Amino acid sequence: MEIPRFDQMMLTSGRSAEEVDRDLRLLLAGKLFERGRVSLGQAAEVAGIALLAMMDELGRMRAAVIDHEPEEHAFDAPRPAG
């Protein structure tokens, strides 16, 4: 996949073309995963990184890696004996 480089973005950010490409791939992969268009593994492939690294990146993006229904978060905590 070819992602165009934005010369102006590189100039203003002071980042190399490789760093900009990496950022754009991560953003694209994260958004595709967040919207349910790709799996976690596919997102990692798009980003060009390992699966666990993709999970870390999604955490930085504050994107949920596991999608639960709200009622799944409610649980009864074990009560202490005695």
PDB file of N, CA and C in Angstrom:
ATOM      1  N   MET A   1       0.849  -1.169   0.000  1.00  0.00           N
ATOM      2  CA  MET A   1       0.000   0.000   0.000  1.00  0.00           C
ATOM      3  C   MET A   1       0.896   1.233   0.000  1.00  0.00           C
ATOM      4  N   GLU A   2       0.576   2.151  -0.818  1.00  0.00           N
ATOM      5  CA  GLU A   2       1.347   3.387  -0.921  1.00  0.00           C
ATOM      6  C   GLU A   2       0.587   4.517  -0.235  1.00  0.00           C
ATOM      7  N   ILE A   3       1.225   5.135   0.716  1.00  0.00           N
ATOM      8  CA  ILE A   3       0.623   6.285   1.396  1.00  0.00           C
ATOM      9  C   ILE A   3       1.408   7.510   0.977  1.00  0.00           C
ATOM     10  N   PRO A   4       0.725   8.511   0.424  1.00  0.00           N
ATOM     11  CA  PRO A   4       1.455   9.693  -0.021  1.00  0.00           C
ATOM     12  C   PRO A   4       2.100  10.428   1.148  1.00  0.00           C
ATOM     13  N   ARG A   5       3.257  10.952   0.913  1.00  0.00           N
ATOM     14  CA  ARG A   5       3.952  11.747   1.925  1.00  0.00           C
ATOM     15  C   ARG A   5       3.571  13.200   1.725  1.00  0.00           C
ATOM     16  N   PHE A   6       3.344  13.863   2.810  1.00  0.00           N
ATOM     17  CA  PHE A   6       2.966  15.265   2.755  1.00  0.00           C
ATOM     18  C   PHE A   6       4.184  16.102   3.111  1.00  0.00           C
ATOM     19  N   ASP A   7       4.790  16.718   2.092  1.00  0.00           N
ATOM     20  CA  ASP A   7       6.013  17.490   2.302  1.00  0.00           C
ATOM     21  C   ASP A   7       5.833  18.565   3.359  1.00  0.00           C
ATOM     22  N   GLN A   8       4.696  19.227   3.340  1.00  0.00           N
ATOM     23  CA  GLN A   8       4.452  20.291   4.315  1.00  0.00           C
ATOM     24  C   GLN A   8       4.418  19.723   5.736  1.00  0.00           C
ATOM     25  N   MET A   9       3.811  18.546   5.890  1.00  0.00           N
ATOM     26  CA  MET A   9       3.741  17.912   7.209  1.00  0.00           C
ATOM     27  C   MET A   9       5.146  17.592   7.712  1.00  0.00           C
ATOM     28  N   MET A  10       5.974  17.107   6.825  1.00  0.00           N
ATOM     29  CA  MET A  10       7.344  16.773   7.225  1.00  0.00           C
ATOM     30  C   MET A  10       8.116  18.030   7.589  1.00  0.00           C
ATOM     31  N   LEU A  11       7.920  19.103   6.822  1.00  0.00           N
ATOM     32  CA  LEU A  11       8.636  20.347   7.102  1.00  0.00           C
ATOM     33  C   LEU A  11       8.234  20.933   8.453  1.00  0.00           C
ATOM     34  N   THR A  12       6.933  20.973   8.718  1.00  0.00           N
ATOM     35  CA  THR A  12       6.468  21.590   9.958  1.00  0.00           C
ATOM     36  C   THR A  12       6.700  20.706  11.172  1.00  0.00           C
ATOM     37  N   SER A  13       6.723  19.391  10.980  1.00  0.00           N
ATOM     38  CA  SER A  13       6.901  18.494  12.123  1.00  0.00           C
ATOM     39  C   SER A  13       8.373  18.198  12.398  1.00  0.00           C
ATOM     40  N   GLY A  14       9.218  18.407  11.413  1.00  0.00           N
ATOM     41  CA  GLY A  14      10.624  18.079  11.571  1.00  0.00           C
ATOM     42  C   GLY A  14      10.883  16.582  11.554  1.00  0.00           C
ATOM     43  N   ARG A  15       9.922  15.817  11.070  1.00  0.00           N
ATOM     44  CA  ARG A  15      10.031  14.357  11.047  1.00  0.00           C
ATOM     45  C   ARG A  15      10.466  13.892   9.669  1.00  0.00           C
ATOM     46  N   SER A  16      11.111  12.739   9.641  1.00  0.00           N
ATOM     47  CA  SER A  16      11.549  12.168   8.368  1.00  0.00           C
ATOM     48  C   SER A  16      10.357  11.559   7.632  1.00  0.00           C
ATOM     49  N   ALA A  17      10.562  11.264   6.362  1.00  0.00           N
ATOM     50  CA  ALA A  17       9.513  10.640   5.552  1.00  0.00           C
ATOM     51  C   ALA A  17       9.114   9.295   6.151  1.00  0.00           C
ATOM     52  N   GLU A  18      10.076   8.540   6.654  1.00  0.00           N
ATOM     53  CA  GLU A  18       9.789   7.236   7.258  1.00  0.00           C
ATOM     54  C   GLU A  18       8.936   7.387   8.520  1.00  0.00           C
ATOM     55  N   GLU A  19       9.222   8.401   9.324  1.00  0.00           N
ATOM     56  CA  GLU A  19       8.434   8.628  10.547  1.00  0.00           C
ATOM     57  C   GLU A  19       7.001   9.041  10.213  1.00  0.00           C
ATOM     58  N   VAL A  20       6.856   9.879   9.197  1.00  0.00           N
ATOM     59  CA  VAL A  20       5.516  10.298   8.776  1.00  0.00           C
ATOM     60  C   VAL A  20       4.751   9.103   8.223  1.00  0.00           C
ATOM     61  N   ASP A  21       5.400   8.282   7.408  1.00  0.00           N
ATOM     62  CA  ASP A  21       4.759   7.074   6.875  1.00  0.00           C
ATOM     63  C   ASP A  21       4.290   6.166   8.012  1.00  0.00           C
ATOM     64  N   ARG A  22       5.142   5.972   9.010  1.00  0.00           N
ATOM     65  CA  ARG A  22       4.794   5.114  10.147  1.00  0.00           C
ATOM     66  C   ARG A  22       3.578   5.676  10.879  1.00  0.00           C
ATOM     67  N   ASP A  23       3.592   6.975  11.141  1.00  0.00           N
ATOM     68  CA  ASP A  23       2.459   7.606  11.834  1.00  0.00           C
ATOM     69  C   ASP A  23       1.164   7.454  11.048  1.00  0.00           C
ATOM     70  N   LEU A  24       1.229   7.675   9.741  1.00  0.00           N
ATOM     71  CA  LEU A  24       0.030   7.574   8.911  1.00  0.00           C
ATOM     72  C   LEU A  24      -0.494   6.141   8.868  1.00  0.00           C
ATOM     73  N   ARG A  25       0.404   5.180   8.773  1.00  0.00           N
ATOM     74  CA  ARG A  25      -0.010   3.771   8.778  1.00  0.00           C
ATOM     75  C   ARG A  25      -0.674   3.401  10.099  1.00  0.00           C
ATOM     76  N   LEU A  26      -0.093   3.857  11.213  1.00  0.00           N
ATOM     77  CA  LEU A  26      -0.677   3.574  12.526  1.00  0.00           C
ATOM     78  C   LEU A  26      -2.060   4.198  12.661  1.00  0.00           C
ATOM     79  N   LEU A  27      -2.189   5.447  12.223  1.00  0.00           N
ATOM     80  CA  LEU A  27      -3.492   6.114  12.298  1.00  0.00           C
ATOM     81  C   LEU A  27      -4.535   5.412  11.440  1.00  0.00           C
ATOM     82  N   LEU A  28      -4.146   5.038  10.234  1.00  0.00           N
ATOM     83  CA  LEU A  28      -5.066   4.332   9.345  1.00  0.00           C
ATOM     84  C   LEU A  28      -5.463   2.983   9.942  1.00  0.00           C
ATOM     85  N   ALA A  29      -4.487   2.229  10.398  1.00  0.00           N
ATOM     86  CA  ALA A  29      -4.758   0.915  10.973  1.00  0.00           C
ATOM     87  C   ALA A  29      -5.645   1.036  12.208  1.00  0.00           C
ATOM     88  N   GLY A  30      -5.346   2.011  13.055  1.00  0.00           N
ATOM     89  CA  GLY A  30      -6.135   2.214  14.265  1.00  0.00           C
ATOM     90  C   GLY A  30      -7.576   2.559  13.962  1.00  0.00           C
ATOM     91  N   LYS A  31      -7.781   3.445  13.019  1.00  0.00           N
ATOM     92  CA  LYS A  31      -9.146   3.865  12.675  1.00  0.00           C
ATOM     93  C   LYS A  31      -9.908   2.723  11.998  1.00  0.00           C
ATOM     94  N   LEU A  32      -9.264   1.981  11.121  1.00  0.00           N
ATOM     95  CA  LEU A  32      -9.924   0.836  10.483  1.00  0.00           C
ATOM     96  C   LEU A  32     -10.329  -0.199  11.520  1.00  0.00           C
ATOM     97  N   PHE A  33      -9.449  -0.459  12.491  1.00  0.00           N
ATOM     98  CA  PHE A  33      -9.768  -1.415  13.547  1.00  0.00           C
ATOM     99  C   PHE A  33     -10.906  -0.892  14.415  1.00  0.00           C
ATOM    100  N   GLU A  34     -10.820   0.356  14.792  1.00  0.00           N
ATOM    101  CA  GLU A  34     -11.837   0.968  15.648  1.00  0.00           C
ATOM    102  C   GLU A  34     -13.228   0.908  15.008  1.00  0.00           C
ATOM    103  N   ARG A  35     -13.291   1.043  13.704  1.00  0.00           N
ATOM    104  CA  ARG A  35     -14.563   1.000  12.976  1.00  0.00           C
ATOM    105  C   ARG A  35     -15.007  -0.413  12.624  1.00  0.00           C
ATOM    106  N   GLY A  36     -14.198  -1.396  13.002  1.00  0.00           N
ATOM    107  CA  GLY A  36     -14.564  -2.787  12.745  1.00  0.00           C
ATOM    108  C   GLY A  36     -14.344  -3.229  11.315  1.00  0.00           C
ATOM    109  N   ARG A  37     -13.544  -2.507  10.575  1.00  0.00           N
ATOM    110  CA  ARG A  37     -13.294  -2.845   9.168  1.00  0.00           C
ATOM    111  C   ARG A  37     -12.208  -3.900   9.009  1.00  0.00           C
ATOM    112  N   VAL A  38     -11.291  -3.971   9.982  1.00  0.00           N
ATOM    113  CA  VAL A  38     -10.220  -4.964   9.939  1.00  0.00           C
ATOM    114  C   VAL A  38     -10.065  -5.583  11.321  1.00  0.00           C
ATOM    115  N   SER A  39      -9.481  -6.770  11.356  1.00  0.00           N
ATOM    116  CA  SER A  39      -9.197  -7.435  12.624  1.00  0.00           C
ATOM    117  C   SER A  39      -7.944  -6.819  13.237  1.00  0.00           C
ATOM    118  N   LEU A  40      -7.655  -7.204  14.453  1.00  0.00           N
ATOM    119  CA  LEU A  40      -6.449  -6.718  15.112  1.00  0.00           C
ATOM    120  C   LEU A  40      -5.204  -7.132  14.336  1.00  0.00           C
ATOM    121  N   GLY A  41      -5.179  -8.380  13.880  1.00  0.00           N
ATOM    122  CA  GLY A  41      -4.048  -8.853  13.088  1.00  0.00           C
ATOM    123  C   GLY A  41      -3.890  -8.096  11.779  1.00  0.00           C
ATOM    124  N   GLN A  42      -5.010  -7.819  11.128  1.00  0.00           N
ATOM    125  CA  GLN A  42      -4.961  -7.063   9.872  1.00  0.00           C
ATOM    126  C   GLN A  42      -4.494  -5.630  10.127  1.00  0.00           C
ATOM    127  N   ALA A  43      -4.928  -5.051  11.233  1.00  0.00           N
ATOM    128  CA  ALA A  43      -4.485  -3.691  11.579  1.00  0.00           C
ATOM    129  C   ALA A  43      -2.974  -3.674  11.784  1.00  0.00           C
ATOM    130  N   ALA A  44      -2.454  -4.698  12.451  1.00  0.00           N
ATOM    131  CA  ALA A  44      -1.008  -4.794  12.658  1.00  0.00           C
ATOM    132  C   ALA A  44      -0.277  -4.890  11.323  1.00  0.00           C
ATOM    133  N   GLU A  45      -0.853  -5.642  10.389  1.00  0.00           N
ATOM    134  CA  GLU A  45      -0.251  -5.754   9.052  1.00  0.00           C
ATOM    135  C   GLU A  45      -0.235  -4.404   8.344  1.00  0.00           C
ATOM    136  N   VAL A  46      -1.361  -3.690   8.393  1.00  0.00           N
ATOM    137  CA  VAL A  46      -1.432  -2.369   7.757  1.00  0.00           C
ATOM    138  C   VAL A  46      -0.377  -1.444   8.351  1.00  0.00           C
ATOM    139  N   ALA A  47      -0.229  -1.498   9.679  1.00  0.00           N
ATOM    140  CA  ALA A  47       0.728  -0.636  10.364  1.00  0.00           C
ATOM    141  C   ALA A  47       2.163  -1.112  10.175  1.00  0.00           C
ATOM    142  N   GLY A  48       2.331  -2.384   9.790  1.00  0.00           N
ATOM    143  CA  GLY A  48       3.679  -2.917   9.600  1.00  0.00           C
ATOM    144  C   GLY A  48       4.381  -3.217  10.910  1.00  0.00           C
ATOM    145  N   ILE A  49       3.597  -3.581  11.939  1.00  0.00           N
ATOM    146  CA  ILE A  49       4.173  -3.876  13.253  1.00  0.00           C
ATOM    147  C   ILE A  49       3.604  -5.189  13.787  1.00  0.00           C
ATOM    148  N   ALA A  50       4.192  -5.681  14.864  1.00  0.00           N
ATOM    149  CA  ALA A  50       3.746  -6.925  15.496  1.00  0.00           C
ATOM    150  C   ALA A  50       2.395  -6.716  16.173  1.00  0.00           C
ATOM    151  N   LEU A  51       1.689  -7.817  16.376  1.00  0.00           N
ATOM    152  CA  LEU A  51       0.366  -7.778  16.987  1.00  0.00           C
ATOM    153  C   LEU A  51       0.375  -7.111  18.361  1.00  0.00           C
ATOM    154  N   LEU A  52       1.304  -7.495  19.223  1.00  0.00           N
ATOM    155  CA  LEU A  52       1.363  -6.887  20.560  1.00  0.00           C
ATOM    156  C   LEU A  52       1.698  -5.402  20.489  1.00  0.00           C
ATOM    157  N   ALA A  53       2.547  -5.018  19.555  1.00  0.00           N
ATOM    158  CA  ALA A  53       2.865  -3.603  19.373  1.00  0.00           C
ATOM    159  C   ALA A  53       1.625  -2.837  18.922  1.00  0.00           C
ATOM    160  N   MET A  54       0.795  -3.479  18.084  1.00  0.00           N
ATOM    161  CA  MET A  54      -0.445  -2.833  17.638  1.00  0.00           C
ATOM    162  C   MET A  54      -1.388  -2.646  18.807  1.00  0.00           C
ATOM    163  N   MET A  55      -1.448  -3.627  19.694  1.00  0.00           N
ATOM    164  CA  MET A  55      -2.290  -3.494  20.879  1.00  0.00           C
ATOM    165  C   MET A  55      -1.823  -2.314  21.737  1.00  0.00           C
ATOM    166  N   ASP A  56      -0.509  -2.166  21.884  1.00  0.00           N
ATOM    167  CA  ASP A  56       0.037  -1.026  22.636  1.00  0.00           C
ATOM    168  C   ASP A  56      -0.334   0.290  21.974  1.00  0.00           C
ATOM    169  N   GLU A  57      -0.201   0.346  20.652  1.00  0.00           N
ATOM    170  CA  GLU A  57      -0.525   1.573  19.922  1.00  0.00           C
ATOM    171  C   GLU A  57      -2.004   1.914  20.058  1.00  0.00           C
ATOM    172  N   LEU A  58      -2.863   0.902  19.982  1.00  0.00           N
ATOM    173  CA  LEU A  58      -4.298   1.155  20.148  1.00  0.00           C
ATOM    174  C   LEU A  58      -4.586   1.695  21.540  1.00  0.00           C
ATOM    175  N   GLY A  59      -3.864   1.199  22.531  1.00  0.00           N
ATOM    176  CA  GLY A  59      -4.006   1.731  23.882  1.00  0.00           C
ATOM    177  C   GLY A  59      -3.613   3.191  23.950  1.00  0.00           C
ATOM    178  N   ARG A  60      -2.539   3.560  23.268  1.00  0.00           N
ATOM    179  CA  ARG A  60      -2.117   4.971  23.228  1.00  0.00           C
ATOM    180  C   ARG A  60      -3.165   5.839  22.532  1.00  0.00           C
ATOM    181  N   MET A  61      -3.837   5.240  21.541  1.00  0.00           N
ATOM    182  CA  MET A  61      -4.887   5.970  20.816  1.00  0.00           C
ATOM    183  C   MET A  61      -6.203   5.978  21.585  1.00  0.00           C
ATOM    184  N   ARG A  62      -6.225   5.270  22.714  1.00  0.00           N
ATOM    185  CA  ARG A  62      -7.426   5.122  23.536  1.00  0.00           C
ATOM    186  C   ARG A  62      -8.553   4.421  22.776  1.00  0.00           C
ATOM    187  N   ALA A  63      -8.143   3.484  21.922  1.00  0.00           N
ATOM    188  CA  ALA A  63      -9.110   2.667  21.184  1.00  0.00           C
ATOM    189  C   ALA A  63      -9.223   1.331  21.905  1.00  0.00           C
ATOM    190  N   ALA A  64     -10.431   0.875  22.100  1.00  0.00           N
ATOM    191  CA  ALA A  64     -10.654  -0.394  22.791  1.00  0.00           C
ATOM    192  C   ALA A  64     -10.151  -1.550  21.942  1.00  0.00           C
ATOM    193  N   VAL A  65      -9.342  -2.391  22.544  1.00  0.00           N
ATOM    194  CA  VAL A  65      -8.834  -3.567  21.839  1.00  0.00           C
ATOM    195  C   VAL A  65      -9.875  -4.678  21.877  1.00  0.00           C
ATOM    196  N   ILE A  66     -10.630  -4.755  22.975  1.00  0.00           N
ATOM    197  CA  ILE A  66     -11.697  -5.738  23.124  1.00  0.00           C
ATOM    198  C   ILE A  66     -13.000  -4.984  23.246  1.00  0.00           C
ATOM    199  N   ASP A  67     -13.948  -5.342  22.408  1.00  0.00           N
ATOM    200  CA  ASP A  67     -15.230  -4.648  22.381  1.00  0.00           C
ATOM    201  C   ASP A  67     -16.240  -5.424  23.219  1.00  0.00           C
ATOM    202  N   HIS A  68     -16.642  -4.847  24.347  1.00  0.00           N
ATOM    203  CA  HIS A  68     -17.634  -5.469  25.222  1.00  0.00           C
ATOM    204  C   HIS A  68     -18.899  -4.623  25.221  1.00  0.00           C
ATOM    205  N   GLU A  69     -19.996  -5.293  25.426  1.00  0.00           N
ATOM    206  CA  GLU A  69     -21.243  -4.581  25.650  1.00  0.00           C
ATOM    207  C   GLU A  69     -21.215  -4.027  27.064  1.00  0.00           C
ATOM    208  N   PRO A  70     -21.852  -2.881  27.322  1.00  0.00           N
ATOM    209  CA  PRO A  70     -21.809  -2.279  28.661  1.00  0.00           C
ATOM    210  C   PRO A  70     -22.231  -3.232  29.772  1.00  0.00           C
ATOM    211  N   GLU A  71     -23.243  -4.064  29.509  1.00  0.00           N
ATOM    212  CA  GLU A  71     -23.696  -4.969  30.563  1.00  0.00           C
ATOM    213  C   GLU A  71     -22.662  -6.049  30.881  1.00  0.00           C
ATOM    214  N   GLU A  72     -21.712  -6.284  29.992  1.00  0.00           N
ATOM    215  CA  GLU A  72     -20.672  -7.265  30.254  1.00  0.00           C
ATOM    216  C   GLU A  72     -19.665  -6.760  31.278  1.00  0.00           C
ATOM    217  N   HIS A  73     -19.623  -5.449  31.500  1.00  0.00           N
ATOM    218  CA  HIS A  73     -18.674  -4.880  32.452  1.00  0.00           C
ATOM    219  C   HIS A  73     -19.171  -4.994  33.884  1.00  0.00           C
ATOM    220  N   ALA A  74     -20.452  -5.168  34.052  1.00  0.00           N
ATOM    221  CA  ALA A  74     -21.004  -5.289  35.401  1.00  0.00           C
ATOM    222  C   ALA A  74     -20.801  -6.725  35.882  1.00  0.00           C
ATOM    223  N   PHE A  75     -20.260  -6.863  37.064  1.00  0.00           N
ATOM    224  CA  PHE A  75     -20.073  -8.187  37.630  1.00  0.00           C
ATOM    225  C   PHE A  75     -20.153  -8.085  39.140  1.00  0.00           C
ATOM    226  N   ASP A  76     -20.399  -9.200  39.739  1.00  0.00           N
ATOM    227  CA  ASP A  76     -20.444  -9.261  41.196  1.00  0.00           C
ATOM    228  C   ASP A  76     -19.053  -9.624  41.693  1.00  0.00           C
ATOM    229  N   ALA A  77     -18.467  -8.739  42.459  1.00  0.00           N
ATOM    230  CA  ALA A  77     -17.159  -9.018  43.045  1.00  0.00           C
ATOM    231  C   ALA A  77     -17.325 -10.025  44.157  1.00  0.00           C
ATOM    232  N   PRO A  78     -16.381 -10.929  44.300  1.00  0.00           N
ATOM    233  CA  PRO A  78     -16.483 -11.890  45.394  1.00  0.00           C
ATOM    234  C   PRO A  78     -16.484 -11.178  46.736  1.00  0.00           C
ATOM    235  N   ARG A  79     -17.333 -11.635  47.619  1.00  0.00           N
ATOM    236  CA  ARG A  79     -17.428 -11.024  48.957  1.00  0.00           C
ATOM    237  C   ARG A  79     -16.470 -11.746  49.903  1.00  0.00           C
ATOM    238  N   PRO A  80     -15.824 -10.990  50.765  1.00  0.00           N
ATOM    239  CA  PRO A  80     -14.915 -11.630  51.731  1.00  0.00           C
ATOM    240  C   PRO A  80     -15.690 -12.530  52.691  1.00  0.00           C
ATOM    241  N   ALA A  81     -15.079 -13.647  53.022  1.00  0.00           N
ATOM    242  CA  ALA A  81     -15.709 -14.582  53.960  1.00  0.00           C
ATOM    243  C   ALA A  81     -15.675 -14.002  55.373  1.00  0.00           C
ATOM    244  N   GLY A  82     -16.725 -14.314  56.136  1.00  0.00           N
ATOM    245  CA  GLY A  82     -16.719 -13.958  57.550  1.00  0.00           C
ATOM    246  C   GLY A  82     -17.442 -12.776  57.838  1.00  0.00           C
TER     247      GLY A  82
END
